[in-house]
């Protein structure tokens, strides 16, 4: 396999992780409005039957993270100076300083506030990017983390059929929610914003990823041989 193809697959794996995290971040922003910011607000009604369905989108995104990361960990891309997670910590550290010193948003509420300024969105982007790098290289952070992940991997394999069905159902709901939001925006042009277009696209990609992983039956094909082998070695 050529190095260019390996790097392309690695970037694809990272993009899937990033999209899953972005789905969670976008949905969390809507849920904040649904529960706390706006009284009696029913998001994207009547096309979205109930705002609580957004929690299912979060579940779909979280379930997608493991197979997305696993796709990249099978590749031997080498490492430049450090393990990948070191760069994740560096990006996270710099981003935290940037948010605290140069944005009006609080670090703890940056994904909950209704603020779409460029500065705040830059902070959000790099936080998600940092966590993408960390999740990609998580087993190498510490042996105890690797052991815990291997234990979770075993449990996931034992419940593979249940997780596979759950991934399918959450993927279907994610697809429905993305269509519902799209229909709402078409009927309410004032909601035609970059943020909502991002919400639709990231939920749609989450649903498509779920269907691909279900089709590949990834939860029934987990490997436990040579678990210590990692793409960064």
C-alpha atoms as a PDB file:
ATOM      1  CA  UNK A   1       0.000   0.000   0.000  1.00  0.00           C
ATOM      2  CA  UNK A   2       1.521   3.333  -1.034  1.00  0.00           C
ATOM      3  CA  UNK A   3       2.233   5.908   1.628  1.00  0.00           C
ATOM      4  CA  UNK A   4      -0.096   8.415  -0.059  1.00  0.00           C
ATOM      5  CA  UNK A   5      -2.993   5.953   0.199  1.00  0.00           C
ATOM      6  CA  UNK A   6      -2.150   5.210   3.831  1.00  0.00           C
ATOM      7  CA  UNK A   7      -2.135   8.910   4.682  1.00  0.00           C
ATOM      8  CA  UNK A   8      -5.403   9.407   2.802  1.00  0.00           C
ATOM      9  CA  UNK A   9      -7.081   6.653   4.838  1.00  0.00           C
ATOM     10  CA  UNK A  10      -5.610   8.103   8.011  1.00  0.00           C
ATOM     11  CA  UNK A  11      -7.037  11.533   7.210  1.00  0.00           C
ATOM     12  CA  UNK A  12     -10.374   9.892   6.422  1.00  0.00           C
ATOM     13  CA  UNK A  13     -10.322   8.178   9.817  1.00  0.00           C
ATOM     14  CA  UNK A  14      -9.524  11.470  11.566  1.00  0.00           C
ATOM     15  CA  UNK A  15     -12.291  13.238   9.634  1.00  0.00           C
ATOM     16  CA  UNK A  16     -14.818  10.632  10.814  1.00  0.00           C
ATOM     17  CA  UNK A  17     -13.773  11.143  14.429  1.00  0.00           C
ATOM     18  CA  UNK A  18     -13.933  14.912  13.989  1.00  0.00           C
ATOM     19  CA  UNK A  19     -17.386  14.690  12.418  1.00  0.00           C
ATOM     20  CA  UNK A  20     -18.649  12.566  15.318  1.00  0.00           C
ATOM     21  CA  UNK A  21     -17.378  15.142  17.816  1.00  0.00           C
ATOM     22  CA  UNK A  22     -18.774  17.977  15.704  1.00  0.00           C
ATOM     23  CA  UNK A  23     -22.172  16.249  15.663  1.00  0.00           C
ATOM     24  CA  UNK A  24     -22.144  16.111  19.439  1.00  0.00           C
ATOM     25  CA  UNK A  25     -21.090  19.768  19.710  1.00  0.00           C
ATOM     26  CA  UNK A  26     -23.757  21.000  17.268  1.00  0.00           C
ATOM     27  CA  UNK A  27     -26.522  19.002  18.901  1.00  0.00           C
ATOM     28  CA  UNK A  28     -25.458  20.086  22.390  1.00  0.00           C
ATOM     29  CA  UNK A  29     -25.913  23.698  21.288  1.00  0.00           C
ATOM     30  CA  UNK A  30     -29.490  22.984  20.176  1.00  0.00           C
ATOM     31  CA  UNK A  31     -30.240  21.036  23.348  1.00  0.00           C
ATOM     32  CA  UNK A  32     -29.005  23.969  25.433  1.00  0.00           C
ATOM     33  CA  UNK A  33     -31.644  26.132  23.774  1.00  0.00           C
ATOM     34  CA  UNK A  34     -34.267  23.418  24.145  1.00  0.00           C
ATOM     35  CA  UNK A  35     -33.717  22.899  27.879  1.00  0.00           C
ATOM     36  CA  UNK A  36     -32.352  26.181  29.242  1.00  0.00           C
ATOM     37  CA  UNK A  37     -32.145  29.171  26.918  1.00  0.00           C
ATOM     38  CA  UNK A  38     -35.639  29.412  25.402  1.00  0.00           C
ATOM     39  CA  UNK A  39     -38.886  28.755  27.252  1.00  0.00           C
ATOM     40  CA  UNK A  40     -41.251  26.249  25.617  1.00  0.00           C
ATOM     41  CA  UNK A  41     -39.153  26.091  22.450  1.00  0.00           C
ATOM     42  CA  UNK A  42     -39.815  23.037  20.304  1.00  0.00           C
ATOM     43  CA  UNK A  43     -36.826  22.865  17.936  1.00  0.00           C
ATOM     44  CA  UNK A  44     -37.639  22.458  14.242  1.00  0.00           C
ATOM     45  CA  UNK A  45     -41.295  21.572  14.883  1.00  0.00           C
ATOM     46  CA  UNK A  46     -43.458  20.181  13.380  1.00  0.00           C
ATOM     47  CA  UNK A  47     -40.920  18.283  11.272  1.00  0.00           C
ATOM     48  CA  UNK A  48     -38.943  17.169  14.322  1.00  0.00           C
ATOM     49  CA  UNK A  49     -41.468  15.354  16.482  1.00  0.00           C
ATOM     50  CA  UNK A  50     -39.609  15.850  19.763  1.00  0.00           C
ATOM     51  CA  UNK A  51     -36.448  17.705  20.708  1.00  0.00           C
ATOM     52  CA  UNK A  52     -35.363  14.803  22.913  1.00  0.00           C
ATOM     53  CA  UNK A  53     -34.609  12.821  19.744  1.00  0.00           C
ATOM     54  CA  UNK A  54     -31.444  14.892  19.490  1.00  0.00           C
ATOM     55  CA  UNK A  55     -30.012  12.739  22.278  1.00  0.00           C
ATOM     56  CA  UNK A  56     -30.201   9.787  19.887  1.00  0.00           C
ATOM     57  CA  UNK A  57     -27.991  11.700  17.449  1.00  0.00           C
ATOM     58  CA  UNK A  58     -25.418  12.097  20.220  1.00  0.00           C
ATOM     59  CA  UNK A  59     -25.596   8.356  20.869  1.00  0.00           C
ATOM     60  CA  UNK A  60     -25.056   7.650  17.162  1.00  0.00           C
ATOM     61  CA  UNK A  61     -22.013   9.921  17.078  1.00  0.00           C
ATOM     62  CA  UNK A  62     -20.480   8.379  20.208  1.00  0.00           C
ATOM     63  CA  UNK A  63     -20.975   4.840  18.880  1.00  0.00           C
ATOM     64  CA  UNK A  64     -19.265   5.872  15.639  1.00  0.00           C
ATOM     65  CA  UNK A  65     -16.106   7.091  17.372  1.00  0.00           C
ATOM     66  CA  UNK A  66     -14.621   3.656  18.109  1.00  0.00           C
ATOM     67  CA  UNK A  67     -14.854   2.165  14.600  1.00  0.00           C
ATOM     68  CA  UNK A  68     -13.724   5.490  13.134  1.00  0.00           C
ATOM     69  CA  UNK A  69     -10.611   5.491  15.306  1.00  0.00           C
ATOM     70  CA  UNK A  70     -10.048   1.763  14.765  1.00  0.00           C
ATOM     71  CA  UNK A  71      -9.891   2.377  11.023  1.00  0.00           C
ATOM     72  CA  UNK A  72      -6.894   4.641  11.482  1.00  0.00           C
ATOM     73  CA  UNK A  73      -5.152   2.482  14.065  1.00  0.00           C
ATOM     74  CA  UNK A  74      -4.723  -0.354  11.577  1.00  0.00           C
ATOM     75  CA  UNK A  75      -2.453   1.898   9.487  1.00  0.00           C
ATOM     76  CA  UNK A  76       1.260   2.342  10.080  1.00  0.00           C
ATOM     77  CA  UNK A  77       1.788   6.021   9.323  1.00  0.00           C
ATOM     78  CA  UNK A  78       4.814   6.451  11.563  1.00  0.00           C
ATOM     79  CA  UNK A  79       5.196   9.480  13.791  1.00  0.00           C
ATOM     80  CA  UNK A  80       6.958  12.795  13.537  1.00  0.00           C
ATOM     81  CA  UNK A  81       8.980  13.418  16.725  1.00  0.00           C
ATOM     82  CA  UNK A  82       6.163  12.459  19.113  1.00  0.00           C
ATOM     83  CA  UNK A  83       3.127  10.232  19.482  1.00  0.00           C
ATOM     84  CA  UNK A  84       0.029  11.818  17.962  1.00  0.00           C
ATOM     85  CA  UNK A  85      -1.578  12.424  21.344  1.00  0.00           C
ATOM     86  CA  UNK A  86       1.246  14.826  22.279  1.00  0.00           C
ATOM     87  CA  UNK A  87       0.111  17.123  19.487  1.00  0.00           C
ATOM     88  CA  UNK A  88      -3.434  16.775  20.782  1.00  0.00           C
ATOM     89  CA  UNK A  89      -2.386  17.975  24.227  1.00  0.00           C
ATOM     90  CA  UNK A  90      -0.393  20.849  22.693  1.00  0.00           C
ATOM     91  CA  UNK A  91      -3.351  21.995  20.581  1.00  0.00           C
ATOM     92  CA  UNK A  92      -5.684  21.679  23.574  1.00  0.00           C
ATOM     93  CA  UNK A  93      -3.348  23.685  25.838  1.00  0.00           C
ATOM     94  CA  UNK A  94      -2.919  26.517  23.319  1.00  0.00           C
ATOM     95  CA  UNK A  95      -6.650  26.588  22.555  1.00  0.00           C
ATOM     96  CA  UNK A  96      -7.610  26.799  26.229  1.00  0.00           C
ATOM     97  CA  UNK A  97      -5.309  29.818  26.645  1.00  0.00           C
ATOM     98  CA  UNK A  98      -6.769  31.411  23.520  1.00  0.00           C
ATOM     99  CA  UNK A  99     -10.366  30.941  24.708  1.00  0.00           C
ATOM    100  CA  UNK A 100      -9.681  32.252  28.201  1.00  0.00           C
ATOM    101  CA  UNK A 101      -7.751  35.323  27.055  1.00  0.00           C
ATOM    102  CA  UNK A 102      -9.247  36.275  23.706  1.00  0.00           C
ATOM    103  CA  UNK A 103     -12.885  35.185  23.490  1.00  0.00           C
ATOM    104  CA  UNK A 104     -16.009  36.367  25.352  1.00  0.00           C
ATOM    105  CA  UNK A 105     -17.139  32.772  25.941  1.00  0.00           C
ATOM    106  CA  UNK A 106     -16.394  30.801  29.066  1.00  0.00           C
ATOM    107  CA  UNK A 107     -14.259  27.710  28.584  1.00  0.00           C
ATOM    108  CA  UNK A 108     -16.822  25.525  30.361  1.00  0.00           C
ATOM    109  CA  UNK A 109     -19.791  26.820  28.374  1.00  0.00           C
ATOM    110  CA  UNK A 110     -18.252  27.482  24.958  1.00  0.00           C
ATOM    111  CA  UNK A 111     -20.422  24.809  23.294  1.00  0.00           C
ATOM    112  CA  UNK A 112     -23.586  25.918  25.107  1.00  0.00           C
ATOM    113  CA  UNK A 113     -23.665  29.670  24.490  1.00  0.00           C
ATOM    114  CA  UNK A 114     -25.499  31.182  21.533  1.00  0.00           C
ATOM    115  CA  UNK A 115     -22.415  32.882  20.108  1.00  0.00           C
ATOM    116  CA  UNK A 116     -21.384  32.360  16.486  1.00  0.00           C
ATOM    117  CA  UNK A 117     -18.555  34.902  16.341  1.00  0.00           C
ATOM    118  CA  UNK A 118     -15.428  33.922  14.425  1.00  0.00           C
ATOM    119  CA  UNK A 119     -13.284  33.927  17.566  1.00  0.00           C
ATOM    120  CA  UNK A 120     -15.578  31.580  19.471  1.00  0.00           C
ATOM    121  CA  UNK A 121     -15.970  29.239  16.494  1.00  0.00           C
ATOM    122  CA  UNK A 122     -12.184  29.077  16.081  1.00  0.00           C
ATOM    123  CA  UNK A 123     -11.916  28.028  19.715  1.00  0.00           C
ATOM    124  CA  UNK A 124     -14.583  25.365  19.235  1.00  0.00           C
ATOM    125  CA  UNK A 125     -12.890  24.060  16.086  1.00  0.00           C
ATOM    126  CA  UNK A 126      -9.481  23.615  17.700  1.00  0.00           C
ATOM    127  CA  UNK A 127     -10.904  22.029  20.843  1.00  0.00           C
ATOM    128  CA  UNK A 128     -12.615  19.417  18.684  1.00  0.00           C
ATOM    129  CA  UNK A 129      -9.434  19.017  16.647  1.00  0.00           C
ATOM    130  CA  UNK A 130      -7.399  18.433  19.810  1.00  0.00           C
ATOM    131  CA  UNK A 131      -9.798  15.775  21.064  1.00  0.00           C
ATOM    132  CA  UNK A 132      -9.752  14.155  17.618  1.00  0.00           C
ATOM    133  CA  UNK A 133      -5.977  13.703  17.888  1.00  0.00           C
ATOM    134  CA  UNK A 134      -6.288  12.437  21.464  1.00  0.00           C
ATOM    135  CA  UNK A 135      -8.977   9.883  20.624  1.00  0.00           C
ATOM    136  CA  UNK A 136      -7.016   8.694  17.610  1.00  0.00           C
ATOM    137  CA  UNK A 137      -4.000   7.905  19.782  1.00  0.00           C
ATOM    138  CA  UNK A 138      -5.743   7.232  23.102  1.00  0.00           C
ATOM    139  CA  UNK A 139      -4.295   3.731  23.791  1.00  0.00           C
ATOM    140  CA  UNK A 140      -0.761   5.159  23.794  1.00  0.00           C
ATOM    141  CA  UNK A 141      -1.481   7.813  26.432  1.00  0.00           C
ATOM    142  CA  UNK A 142      -1.059   5.342  29.309  1.00  0.00           C
ATOM    143  CA  UNK A 143      -0.958   1.578  29.811  1.00  0.00           C
ATOM    144  CA  UNK A 144      -3.938   1.727  32.158  1.00  0.00           C
ATOM    145  CA  UNK A 145      -5.978   3.543  29.533  1.00  0.00           C
ATOM    146  CA  UNK A 146      -4.973   0.925  26.981  1.00  0.00           C
ATOM    147  CA  UNK A 147      -5.984  -1.870  29.379  1.00  0.00           C
ATOM    148  CA  UNK A 148      -9.337  -0.189  30.070  1.00  0.00           C
ATOM    149  CA  UNK A 149      -9.974   0.236  26.346  1.00  0.00           C
ATOM    150  CA  UNK A 150      -9.134  -3.412  25.699  1.00  0.00           C
ATOM    151  CA  UNK A 151     -11.588  -4.422  28.437  1.00  0.00           C
ATOM    152  CA  UNK A 152     -14.284  -2.243  26.851  1.00  0.00           C
ATOM    153  CA  UNK A 153     -13.413  -3.737  23.482  1.00  0.00           C
ATOM    154  CA  UNK A 154     -13.997  -7.231  24.852  1.00  0.00           C
ATOM    155  CA  UNK A 155     -17.352  -6.219  26.331  1.00  0.00           C
ATOM    156  CA  UNK A 156     -18.328  -4.587  23.038  1.00  0.00           C
ATOM    157  CA  UNK A 157     -17.464  -7.784  21.182  1.00  0.00           C
ATOM    158  CA  UNK A 158     -19.591  -9.820  23.583  1.00  0.00           C
ATOM    159  CA  UNK A 159     -22.526  -7.463  22.979  1.00  0.00           C
ATOM    160  CA  UNK A 160     -21.708  -7.007  19.307  1.00  0.00           C
ATOM    161  CA  UNK A 161     -25.160  -7.813  17.927  1.00  0.00           C
ATOM    162  CA  UNK A 162     -26.867  -5.448  20.370  1.00  0.00           C
ATOM    163  CA  UNK A 163     -24.439  -2.619  19.557  1.00  0.00           C
ATOM    164  CA  UNK A 164     -24.853  -3.294  15.837  1.00  0.00           C
ATOM    165  CA  UNK A 165     -28.638  -3.001  16.132  1.00  0.00           C
ATOM    166  CA  UNK A 166     -28.295   0.103  18.295  1.00  0.00           C
ATOM    167  CA  UNK A 167     -25.989   1.678  15.723  1.00  0.00           C
ATOM    168  CA  UNK A 168     -28.505   0.971  12.980  1.00  0.00           C
ATOM    169  CA  UNK A 169     -31.408   2.459  14.935  1.00  0.00           C
ATOM    170  CA  UNK A 170     -29.486   5.556  16.018  1.00  0.00           C
ATOM    171  CA  UNK A 171     -28.302   6.000  12.430  1.00  0.00           C
ATOM    172  CA  UNK A 172     -31.902   5.925  11.186  1.00  0.00           C
ATOM    173  CA  UNK A 173     -32.951   8.505  13.790  1.00  0.00           C
ATOM    174  CA  UNK A 174     -29.961  10.719  12.903  1.00  0.00           C
ATOM    175  CA  UNK A 175     -30.970  10.594   9.258  1.00  0.00           C
ATOM    176  CA  UNK A 176     -34.565  11.498  10.158  1.00  0.00           C
ATOM    177  CA  UNK A 177     -33.438  14.428  12.324  1.00  0.00           C
ATOM    178  CA  UNK A 178     -31.185  15.783   9.570  1.00  0.00           C
ATOM    179  CA  UNK A 179     -34.090  15.633   7.093  1.00  0.00           C
ATOM    180  CA  UNK A 180     -36.457  17.265   9.609  1.00  0.00           C
ATOM    181  CA  UNK A 181     -34.057  20.151  10.218  1.00  0.00           C
ATOM    182  CA  UNK A 182     -33.546  20.546   6.467  1.00  0.00           C
ATOM    183  CA  UNK A 183     -37.303  20.731   5.824  1.00  0.00           C
ATOM    184  CA  UNK A 184     -37.719  23.267   8.638  1.00  0.00           C
ATOM    185  CA  UNK A 185     -35.027  25.513   7.203  1.00  0.00           C
ATOM    186  CA  UNK A 186     -36.549  25.323   3.724  1.00  0.00           C
ATOM    187  CA  UNK A 187     -39.842  26.541   5.169  1.00  0.00           C
ATOM    188  CA  UNK A 188     -38.212  29.149   7.435  1.00  0.00           C
ATOM    189  CA  UNK A 189     -35.550  30.954   5.437  1.00  0.00           C
ATOM    190  CA  UNK A 190     -34.418  33.049   8.419  1.00  0.00           C
ATOM    191  CA  UNK A 191     -32.973  29.834   9.846  1.00  0.00           C
ATOM    192  CA  UNK A 192     -30.811  29.358   6.770  1.00  0.00           C
ATOM    193  CA  UNK A 193     -27.473  29.902   8.536  1.00  0.00           C
ATOM    194  CA  UNK A 194     -24.007  28.401   8.379  1.00  0.00           C
ATOM    195  CA  UNK A 195     -24.520  26.873  11.828  1.00  0.00           C
ATOM    196  CA  UNK A 196     -27.718  25.094  10.798  1.00  0.00           C
ATOM    197  CA  UNK A 197     -26.217  23.925   7.503  1.00  0.00           C
ATOM    198  CA  UNK A 198     -23.353  22.474   9.531  1.00  0.00           C
ATOM    199  CA  UNK A 199     -25.857  20.822  11.879  1.00  0.00           C
ATOM    200  CA  UNK A 200     -27.641  19.165   8.957  1.00  0.00           C
ATOM    201  CA  UNK A 201     -24.479  18.015   7.194  1.00  0.00           C
ATOM    202  CA  UNK A 202     -22.766  16.618  10.274  1.00  0.00           C
ATOM    203  CA  UNK A 203     -25.884  14.674  11.344  1.00  0.00           C
ATOM    204  CA  UNK A 204     -26.278  13.343   7.799  1.00  0.00           C
ATOM    205  CA  UNK A 205     -22.636  12.195   7.736  1.00  0.00           C
ATOM    206  CA  UNK A 206     -23.116  10.612  11.158  1.00  0.00           C
ATOM    207  CA  UNK A 207     -26.078   8.608   9.873  1.00  0.00           C
ATOM    208  CA  UNK A 208     -24.235   7.540   6.699  1.00  0.00           C
ATOM    209  CA  UNK A 209     -21.207   6.485   8.783  1.00  0.00           C
ATOM    210  CA  UNK A 210     -23.496   4.441  11.026  1.00  0.00           C
ATOM    211  CA  UNK A 211     -24.961   2.625   8.019  1.00  0.00           C
ATOM    212  CA  UNK A 212     -21.483   1.910   6.609  1.00  0.00           C
ATOM    213  CA  UNK A 213     -20.267   0.477   9.901  1.00  0.00           C
ATOM    214  CA  UNK A 214     -23.411  -1.628  10.243  1.00  0.00           C
ATOM    215  CA  UNK A 215     -22.977  -2.918   6.698  1.00  0.00           C
ATOM    216  CA  UNK A 216     -19.372  -3.792   7.522  1.00  0.00           C
ATOM    217  CA  UNK A 217     -20.506  -5.508  10.762  1.00  0.00           C
ATOM    218  CA  UNK A 218     -17.513  -3.972  12.524  1.00  0.00           C
ATOM    219  CA  UNK A 219     -18.708  -4.866  16.027  1.00  0.00           C
ATOM    220  CA  UNK A 220     -18.734  -8.556  15.085  1.00  0.00           C
ATOM    221  CA  UNK A 221     -15.223  -8.461  13.621  1.00  0.00           C
ATOM    222  CA  UNK A 222     -13.202  -7.034  16.494  1.00  0.00           C
ATOM    223  CA  UNK A 223      -9.679  -8.420  16.652  1.00  0.00           C
ATOM    224  CA  UNK A 224      -7.863  -9.128  19.906  1.00  0.00           C
ATOM    225  CA  UNK A 225      -4.547 -10.246  18.462  1.00  0.00           C
ATOM    226  CA  UNK A 226      -1.513  -8.020  18.870  1.00  0.00           C
ATOM    227  CA  UNK A 227      -3.484  -5.278  20.613  1.00  0.00           C
ATOM    228  CA  UNK A 228      -0.309  -3.458  21.454  1.00  0.00           C
ATOM    229  CA  UNK A 229       0.433  -2.829  17.788  1.00  0.00           C
ATOM    230  CA  UNK A 230      -0.441   0.760  16.927  1.00  0.00           C
ATOM    231  CA  UNK A 231      -0.130   2.926  13.899  1.00  0.00           C
ATOM    232  CA  UNK A 232       2.260   5.280  15.670  1.00  0.00           C
ATOM    233  CA  UNK A 233       4.831   2.590  16.340  1.00  0.00           C
END
